[in-house]
Protein backbone atom coordinates (compact mmCIF):
# COMPACT_ATOMS: atom_id res chain seq x y z
CA MET A 1 -2.83 -23.41 1.48
CA THR A 2 0.32 -22.82 -1.69
CA SER A 3 -2.81 -22.64 -4.36
CA LYS A 4 -4.28 -19.81 -1.78
CA LEU A 5 -0.81 -18.06 -1.28
CA VAL A 6 0.13 -17.95 -5.07
CA LEU A 7 -3.46 -16.57 -5.80
CA LEU A 8 -3.25 -13.82 -3.07
CA ALA A 9 0.54 -13.26 -4.24
CA THR A 10 -0.76 -12.56 -7.94
CA LEU A 11 -3.71 -10.32 -7.16
CA TYR A 12 -1.27 -8.26 -4.33
CA ILE A 13 1.00 -8.12 -7.26
CA SER A 14 -1.10 -6.78 -9.71
CA GLN A 15 -3.03 -4.14 -8.23
CA PHE A 16 -0.29 -2.39 -6.58
CA ILE A 17 1.88 -2.15 -9.80
CA PRO A 18 -0.01 1.19 -11.56
CA THR A 19 -0.50 2.92 -8.59
CA THR A 20 3.67 2.70 -7.67
CA PHE A 21 4.49 3.29 -11.06
CA PHE A 22 2.37 6.38 -10.95
CA ILE A 23 3.01 7.99 -7.67
CA GLN A 24 6.92 6.70 -7.39
CA ALA A 25 7.96 7.66 -11.06
CA LEU A 26 6.25 11.03 -11.08
CA PRO A 27 7.86 12.29 -8.33
CA VAL A 28 11.60 11.86 -10.56
CA PHE A 29 10.16 13.72 -13.07
CA MET A 30 8.97 16.61 -11.51
CA ARG A 31 11.76 16.84 -9.57
CA GLN A 32 13.87 16.95 -12.32
CA GLN A 33 12.01 19.58 -14.20
CA ASN A 34 12.91 21.31 -11.07
CA MET A 35 9.46 21.50 -9.12
CA SER A 36 9.00 22.30 -5.56
CA LEU A 37 8.70 19.99 -2.86
CA ASP A 38 5.84 21.31 -1.16
CA ALA A 39 4.07 20.44 -4.75
CA ILE A 40 5.53 16.78 -5.05
CA GLY A 41 4.20 16.74 -2.03
CA PHE A 42 0.73 16.47 -2.80
CA LEU A 43 0.81 13.79 -5.47
CA GLY A 44 -0.55 12.15 -2.21
CA LEU A 45 -4.12 13.66 -3.23
CA LEU A 46 -3.59 10.27 -5.67
CA VAL A 47 -4.23 7.97 -3.45
CA ILE A 48 -7.43 9.36 -2.08
CA PRO A 49 -9.75 6.91 -3.92
CA SER A 50 -7.17 4.18 -1.10
CA GLY A 51 -8.39 6.41 1.58
CA LEU A 52 -11.87 6.59 0.74
CA LYS A 53 -12.96 3.68 -0.51
CA PHE A 54 -14.15 2.59 2.93
CA LEU A 55 -17.31 4.92 1.01
CA TRP A 56 -18.41 2.18 -1.18
CA SER A 57 -16.63 -1.62 0.53
CA PRO A 58 -20.05 -2.74 1.97
CA LEU A 59 -21.86 -2.59 -1.60
CA ILE A 60 -18.86 -5.08 -2.55
CA ASP A 61 -19.98 -6.94 0.64
CA ARG A 62 -23.55 -7.33 -0.58
CA TYR A 63 -23.78 -8.03 -4.10
CA ARG A 64 -22.22 -10.08 -6.70
CA LEU A 65 -22.03 -10.49 -10.09
CA GLY A 66 -23.91 -13.28 -11.55
CA ARG A 67 -22.29 -16.57 -11.39
CA LEU A 68 -18.31 -14.99 -11.60
CA GLY A 69 -18.61 -15.34 -7.98
CA HIS A 70 -18.82 -13.15 -5.41
CA TYR A 71 -15.47 -11.35 -4.35
CA ARG A 72 -13.80 -12.75 -7.77
CA GLY A 73 -16.58 -11.54 -9.96
CA TRP A 74 -15.20 -7.99 -8.74
CA ILE A 75 -12.01 -8.89 -8.60
CA ILE A 76 -12.19 -10.00 -12.75
CA CYS A 77 -14.23 -6.66 -13.24
CA PHE A 78 -11.73 -4.02 -11.36
CA GLN A 79 -8.28 -5.96 -12.77
CA LEU A 80 -10.15 -5.52 -16.52
CA LEU A 81 -11.11 -1.80 -16.24
CA LEU A 82 -7.40 -1.27 -14.42
CA THR A 83 -5.61 -2.52 -17.39
CA SER A 84 -8.03 -1.30 -20.05
CA THR A 85 -6.86 1.70 -18.98
CA LEU A 86 -3.36 1.64 -18.65
CA PHE A 87 -3.86 0.26 -22.25
CA VAL A 88 -5.69 3.75 -23.03
CA ASN A 89 -3.19 6.19 -21.49
CA ALA A 90 0.17 3.91 -23.07
CA PHE A 91 -1.03 6.01 -26.59
CA VAL A 92 -2.03 9.83 -24.38
CA ASP A 93 0.86 12.40 -25.20
CA ILE A 94 2.45 13.59 -21.70
CA GLN A 95 4.23 16.89 -22.86
CA ASN A 96 0.90 17.86 -23.83
CA ASN A 97 -2.21 15.96 -22.19
CA LEU A 98 -0.94 16.45 -18.57
CA THR A 99 -5.05 16.70 -17.79
CA VAL A 100 -5.62 12.88 -19.30
CA LEU A 101 -2.75 12.08 -17.26
CA LEU A 102 -3.68 12.98 -14.27
CA ILE A 103 -7.77 11.49 -14.79
CA CYS A 104 -5.92 8.50 -16.37
CA MET A 105 -4.08 8.07 -13.13
CA LEU A 106 -6.77 8.46 -10.54
CA LEU A 107 -8.98 6.31 -12.64
CA ALA A 108 -6.11 3.37 -12.03
CA SER A 109 -6.29 4.50 -8.46
CA LEU A 110 -10.02 4.26 -8.34
CA PHE A 111 -9.82 0.46 -10.39
CA SER A 112 -7.50 -0.64 -7.83
CA SER A 113 -7.96 0.22 -5.03
CA SER A 114 -11.56 -0.89 -5.23
CA GLN A 115 -10.14 -4.28 -6.61
CA ASP A 116 -8.01 -4.22 -3.13
CA ILE A 117 -11.50 -4.63 -1.62
CA ALA A 118 -12.27 -7.57 -2.82
CA THR A 119 -9.11 -9.16 -2.21
CA ASP A 120 -9.06 -8.41 1.07
CA ALA A 121 -12.13 -9.51 1.88
CA LEU A 122 -11.49 -12.58 -0.33
CA ALA A 123 -8.37 -13.41 1.93
CA VAL A 124 -9.73 -12.84 4.89
CA ASN A 125 -12.29 -15.35 3.85
CA LEU A 126 -9.75 -17.41 2.18
CA LEU A 127 -7.30 -17.77 5.39
CA GLU A 128 -7.82 -19.60 8.44
CA PRO A 129 -6.67 -17.75 11.84
CA GLN A 130 -2.89 -19.69 12.40
CA GLU A 131 -2.42 -19.02 8.67
CA ARG A 132 -2.70 -14.97 8.90
CA GLY A 133 0.86 -14.24 9.58
CA LEU A 134 2.60 -16.20 6.57
CA GLY A 135 -0.54 -14.98 4.64
CA ASN A 136 -0.57 -11.64 5.58
CA ALA A 137 3.67 -11.73 4.66
CA ILE A 138 2.65 -12.77 1.04
CA GLN A 139 0.13 -9.87 0.89
CA SER A 140 2.61 -7.51 2.03
CA GLY A 141 5.25 -9.64 -0.43
CA GLY A 142 3.14 -9.00 -2.88
CA ASN A 143 2.74 -5.50 -2.23
CA VAL A 144 6.12 -5.19 -2.56
CA LEU A 145 7.31 -7.08 -5.87
CA GLY A 146 4.37 -5.16 -7.58
CA ALA A 147 6.15 -1.96 -6.40
CA VAL A 148 9.38 -3.74 -7.45
CA ILE A 149 7.82 -3.50 -11.04
CA GLY A 150 5.69 -0.44 -10.80
CA GLY A 151 8.70 1.08 -9.19
CA GLY A 152 11.73 -0.14 -10.41
CA VAL A 153 11.60 -2.07 -13.11
CA MET A 154 8.99 0.04 -14.90
CA LEU A 155 11.34 2.67 -13.90
CA ILE A 156 13.86 1.96 -16.45
CA LEU A 157 11.98 1.07 -18.54
CA LEU A 158 10.80 3.83 -19.02
CA GLU A 159 13.71 5.40 -19.86
CA LYS A 160 14.88 2.60 -22.04
CA VAL A 161 11.65 2.35 -24.09
CA GLY A 162 9.95 5.07 -23.49
CA TRP A 163 6.22 5.45 -22.58
CA ARG A 164 3.66 4.07 -25.17
CA TYR A 165 5.43 0.39 -24.90
CA SER A 166 6.27 0.47 -21.07
CA LEU A 167 2.63 1.35 -20.46
CA ILE A 168 1.60 -1.73 -23.66
CA ALA A 169 4.03 -4.38 -21.11
CA MET A 170 2.19 -3.17 -18.12
CA SER A 171 -1.04 -4.37 -19.78
CA VAL A 172 -0.25 -7.25 -20.78
CA PHE A 173 2.12 -8.55 -17.33
CA MET A 174 -1.74 -7.47 -15.61
CA LEU A 175 -3.32 -9.82 -18.21
CA LEU A 176 -1.81 -12.58 -17.07
CA ASN A 177 -1.28 -12.08 -13.38
CA LEU A 178 -5.82 -12.77 -13.81
CA VAL A 179 -4.90 -16.59 -15.03
CA PRO A 180 -5.03 -17.51 -10.79
CA THR A 181 -8.53 -15.54 -10.05
CA LEU A 182 -9.85 -17.11 -13.29
CA LEU A 183 -8.60 -20.73 -12.70
CA TYR A 184 -10.12 -20.08 -8.51
CA GLN A 185 -13.43 -21.28 -7.52
CA GLU A 186 -14.68 -19.88 -5.29
CA GLN A 187 -17.30 -20.88 -2.24
CA VAL A 188 -19.88 -18.24 -2.20
CA THR A 189 -21.72 -17.92 0.78
CA ALA A 190 -25.25 -16.70 0.40
CA LYS A 191 -25.71 -13.61 2.82
CA SER A 192 -28.84 -12.08 4.12
CA LYS A 193 -30.94 -9.32 1.82
CA ASN A 194 -33.77 -8.94 4.41
CA LEU A 195 -32.68 -5.31 5.21
CA ASN A 196 -33.41 -2.56 2.85
CA PHE A 197 -30.17 -0.69 1.27
CA PHE A 198 -29.79 2.61 3.60
CA LYS A 199 -29.61 -0.16 6.23
CA SER A 200 -27.62 -2.58 4.89
CA TYR A 201 -26.03 0.20 3.91
CA PHE A 202 -24.88 1.60 7.39
CA GLN A 203 -25.12 -1.37 9.64
CA PRO A 204 -21.63 -3.16 8.58
CA PHE A 205 -20.39 0.75 10.00
CA VAL A 206 -22.17 0.89 12.82
CA SER A 207 -21.69 -3.02 13.85
CA PHE A 208 -17.73 -2.02 13.15
CA LEU A 209 -17.28 1.32 15.06
CA SER A 210 -19.16 0.10 18.11
CA ARG A 211 -17.09 -1.82 18.82
CA PRO A 212 -14.54 -1.59 22.36
CA LYS A 213 -11.86 0.86 21.95
CA MET A 214 -12.00 0.95 18.15
CA LEU A 215 -11.70 4.46 17.43
CA SER A 216 -8.52 3.48 20.22
CA TRP A 217 -7.44 1.48 17.31
CA LEU A 218 -7.69 3.12 14.42
CA PHE A 219 -6.04 6.06 15.54
CA VAL A 220 -3.29 3.96 15.58
CA VAL A 221 -3.78 2.73 12.40
CA PHE A 222 -2.98 6.29 11.58
CA LEU A 223 -0.31 7.03 13.18
CA TYR A 224 1.57 4.16 12.64
CA MET A 225 2.77 4.33 9.08
CA THR A 226 4.27 7.52 9.19
CA GLY A 227 7.53 6.74 8.69
CA ASP A 228 7.20 4.97 5.88
CA SER A 229 4.70 7.35 3.66
CA VAL A 230 7.07 10.30 4.55
CA THR A 231 10.19 8.66 3.29
CA SER A 232 8.39 6.82 0.13
CA ILE A 233 7.73 10.04 -1.08
CA LEU A 234 10.84 12.48 -0.19
CA ILE A 235 13.41 9.75 -0.27
CA ARG A 236 13.11 10.40 -4.71
CA PRO A 237 13.15 13.59 -5.02
CA LEU A 238 16.40 13.89 -1.73
CA LEU A 239 17.67 11.17 -4.49
CA VAL A 240 17.79 13.60 -7.35
CA ASP A 241 19.11 16.25 -5.21
CA ARG A 242 22.21 14.56 -4.71
CA GLY A 243 22.42 13.76 -8.08
CA LEU A 244 21.18 10.13 -9.05
CA SER A 245 19.76 9.28 -12.30
CA LEU A 246 17.17 7.49 -12.98
CA LEU A 247 18.72 4.37 -14.05
CA ASP A 248 20.45 4.49 -10.42
CA ILE A 249 17.10 5.51 -8.48
CA GLY A 250 15.20 2.80 -10.32
CA TRP A 251 17.91 -0.07 -9.20
CA ILE A 252 17.93 1.55 -5.70
CA LEU A 253 14.63 2.40 -4.47
CA GLY A 254 12.77 0.15 -7.07
CA ILE A 255 14.69 -2.88 -7.74
CA VAL A 256 16.87 -4.04 -4.25
CA SER A 257 15.49 -2.12 -1.63
CA TYR A 258 11.92 -3.76 -2.78
CA SER A 259 13.51 -6.78 -3.01
CA ALA A 260 14.91 -6.66 1.02
CA ARG A 261 11.07 -5.60 1.13
CA ILE A 262 9.99 -9.37 0.58
CA ALA A 263 12.52 -11.04 2.35
CA SER A 264 11.84 -9.11 5.42
CA ALA A 265 7.76 -9.89 4.66
CA LEU A 266 8.70 -13.06 4.77
CA ILE A 267 10.76 -13.13 7.63
CA ALA A 268 7.91 -11.05 10.03
CA GLY A 269 5.22 -13.65 8.76
CA VAL A 270 7.19 -16.14 10.94
CA MET A 271 8.15 -13.84 13.42
CA ILE A 272 4.34 -12.99 13.84
CA MET A 273 3.31 -16.14 14.03
CA ARG A 274 6.10 -17.13 17.42
CA TRP A 275 5.65 -13.49 19.40
CA GLY A 276 2.01 -12.88 18.51
CA ARG A 277 0.25 -9.13 17.08
CA LYS A 278 1.19 -7.08 20.13
CA HIS A 279 5.10 -7.80 19.98
CA SER A 280 5.43 -7.69 17.19
CA LEU A 281 3.39 -4.45 16.20
CA ILE A 282 5.66 -3.08 19.30
CA LEU A 283 9.03 -3.90 18.58
CA PHE A 284 8.98 -3.58 14.46
CA GLY A 285 7.02 -0.20 15.25
CA ILE A 286 10.28 0.80 17.37
CA VAL A 287 12.84 -0.60 14.76
CA ALA A 288 10.89 1.08 11.88
CA ALA A 289 10.82 4.21 13.51
CA LEU A 290 15.09 4.52 14.73
CA THR A 291 15.88 3.32 11.07
CA THR A 292 13.46 6.00 9.27
CA LEU A 293 16.26 8.52 11.07
CA LEU A 294 19.39 6.76 8.17
CA TYR A 295 17.95 8.84 5.58
CA ILE A 296 19.56 12.35 6.90
CA VAL A 297 22.74 10.51 6.38
CA PRO A 298 21.63 11.51 2.38
CA ALA A 299 19.54 14.35 3.57
CA MET A 300 23.21 15.35 5.19
CA GLY A 301 25.05 15.11 1.53
CA VAL A 302 25.83 12.11 1.21
CA ALA A 303 26.03 10.45 -2.35
CA SER A 304 28.00 7.20 -2.12
CA LEU A 305 26.37 4.43 -4.06
CA PRO A 306 27.14 1.87 -1.64
CA VAL A 307 26.60 3.75 1.28
CA LEU A 308 23.05 5.45 -0.38
CA TYR A 309 22.39 1.41 -1.01
CA ALA A 310 22.69 0.44 2.69
CA VAL A 311 20.23 3.06 4.11
CA CYS A 312 17.72 1.94 1.31
CA ILE A 313 17.67 -1.23 2.36
CA LEU A 314 18.12 -1.07 6.06
CA VAL A 315 14.43 1.26 6.11
CA ASN A 316 12.59 -0.78 3.93
CA ALA A 317 13.26 -3.32 5.03
CA THR A 318 12.40 -2.88 8.99
CA GLN A 319 9.53 -0.41 7.16
CA SER A 320 8.32 -3.90 5.94
CA MET A 321 8.03 -5.81 8.72
CA ALA A 322 5.84 -3.09 10.82
CA TYR A 323 3.63 -2.73 7.57
CA THR A 324 3.40 -6.90 7.65
CA ALA A 325 2.82 -6.60 12.02
CA LEU A 326 -0.79 -4.13 10.73
CA LEU A 327 -2.08 -6.34 8.32
CA SER A 328 -2.19 -8.61 10.57
CA ALA A 329 -4.05 -7.08 12.93
CA MET A 330 -6.60 -5.69 11.08
CA MET A 331 -7.31 -8.86 9.36
CA ASP A 332 -7.56 -10.57 13.07
CA LYS A 333 -10.38 -7.16 13.66
CA SER A 334 -12.36 -8.07 10.47
CA ASP A 335 -15.51 -9.85 11.02
CA ARG A 336 -15.78 -12.97 7.96
CA ALA A 337 -19.34 -12.05 7.12
CA THR A 338 -18.01 -8.00 6.64
CA ALA A 339 -14.95 -8.73 6.22
CA ALA A 340 -14.89 -5.90 3.10
CA THR A 341 -16.21 -3.17 5.10
CA ASP A 342 -14.25 -4.23 8.27
CA TYR A 343 -10.25 -4.47 6.22
CA THR A 344 -11.46 -1.57 4.17
CA ILE A 345 -12.06 0.49 6.95
CA GLN A 346 -8.69 0.08 8.03
CA VAL A 347 -6.99 0.47 5.07
CA SER A 348 -8.35 3.87 4.52
CA ILE A 349 -7.06 4.79 7.54
CA MET A 350 -4.35 4.10 7.29
CA PHE A 351 -4.09 5.38 3.63
CA LEU A 352 -5.60 8.99 4.94
CA GLY A 353 -2.79 8.88 7.55
CA GLY A 354 -0.37 8.67 4.68
CA ILE A 355 -2.38 11.10 2.76
CA ALA A 356 -1.84 14.15 5.50
CA ALA A 357 1.90 12.61 5.71
CA THR A 358 2.93 13.23 2.60
CA ILE A 359 1.20 16.65 2.21
CA LEU A 360 2.86 17.80 6.08
CA SER A 361 6.43 16.41 5.08
CA GLY A 362 6.24 18.34 1.93
CA ILE A 363 5.54 21.63 3.07
CA LEU A 364 7.53 21.20 5.67
CA ALA A 365 10.06 19.79 3.75
CA GLN A 366 9.98 22.66 1.43
CA ARG A 367 10.02 24.97 4.23
CA THR A 368 13.05 23.36 7.19
CA GLY A 369 14.50 20.66 5.12
CA TYR A 370 14.93 17.15 5.20
CA VAL A 371 16.14 16.35 8.20
CA PRO A 372 14.45 17.94 10.55
CA THR A 373 10.82 16.26 8.59
CA PHE A 374 12.75 13.00 9.03
CA ILE A 375 12.87 13.56 12.90
CA ILE A 376 9.62 14.42 12.84
CA SER A 377 8.24 10.96 11.11
CA ALA A 378 9.94 8.82 13.57
CA ALA A 379 8.93 11.15 16.52
CA VAL A 380 5.28 10.05 15.19
CA ASN A 381 5.75 6.62 14.45
CA LEU A 382 7.16 6.03 18.17
CA LEU A 383 3.98 7.84 18.97
CA SER A 384 1.44 4.84 17.65
CA VAL A 385 3.91 2.45 19.76
CA PHE A 386 2.99 4.03 22.70
CA PHE A 387 -0.34 4.16 21.95
CA ILE A 388 -0.37 0.29 21.18
CA THR A 389 0.78 -0.18 24.42
CA LYS A 390 -2.14 1.72 25.89
CA VAL A 391 -4.76 0.06 23.75
CA TYR A 392 -3.38 -3.36 24.23
CA ASP A 393 -3.08 -2.85 27.63
CA GLN A 394 -7.11 -1.07 28.09
CA GLU A 395 -8.70 -3.17 25.95
CA ARG A 396 -6.26 -7.09 27.05
CA LEU A 397 -7.16 -7.18 23.43
CA ARG A 398 -6.00 -10.77 21.24
CA PHE A 399 -4.88 -10.72 18.16
């Protein structure tokens, strides 16, 4: 069990670092340049590959790369491409080549999201049902630790040593993080390829979506992390508006708050195994929605560092617990034979909900202010919890 968790931890850490670096560092930079909130909201478009990756997930389910293994081979390939993109980007003059920077950001997101397909499929096959609570806590915690490095450590490093050396350091770390995957020997199961390409491509989608009440569940997935998506984008320009420095923001959001996310994810993993998916999803969803409203405190003008630390820690901790519960439920919805497709469809729906939420929240915050935007995002979160109770009661799902 320990070796499984170490492998999954390194994979989820490495794939989350570059995306977090670009998505979370850039809003701070843009706000410091006095760019508008609706423009910052459109940064959600950079995660489009994460929202559309279900389109190529059947190919990862169906094909393998020679002797590298099935999902292991794809992971190695995409992580090397991701590392190469970051290294090349280190030598880009971002002041005068914004287009090249954006292209590199999209490529990094594409390679990272594609690696995520294979990693999730590997996790579904690697973890037994009774291990998934703790396994998803490691997944959530790994994502958060990647965010700590990408959105906190790298933000501080960027201020200290500059763009080039920060990107080179990130590239080296990504290569080192690949070692556990290279040492892992995947147990490959032969899969039937009797169907022609088009039938084999569409069959996993049809099979997954035809399950009872699946569309209702996907609607829950679309809404459930709305508060997380909205606050993760808006809190950075909000703290800039409160006069905090790049270093302060890096410590509050990138180091301390995300460390709280890791701890709370592990706690949630234990609680999920005791309480079950349904009760965990409902309870954590309600708590996360209510704590989102704490961001009204800085929105009302409070700039005290101790208060901001307390607010950000509480919001991030509760959102991480809700995220862990959702990941566990999504994994239980995935068949081992089509794990890449089944899990990725759900992840893509979650990301598409995040994209819609971030774009709309940027526009709404620009026109009405931060406070109404946070209130609406919390209300949408609570709405998703209401639908969870309906889906479970009607379907009698046993996650």
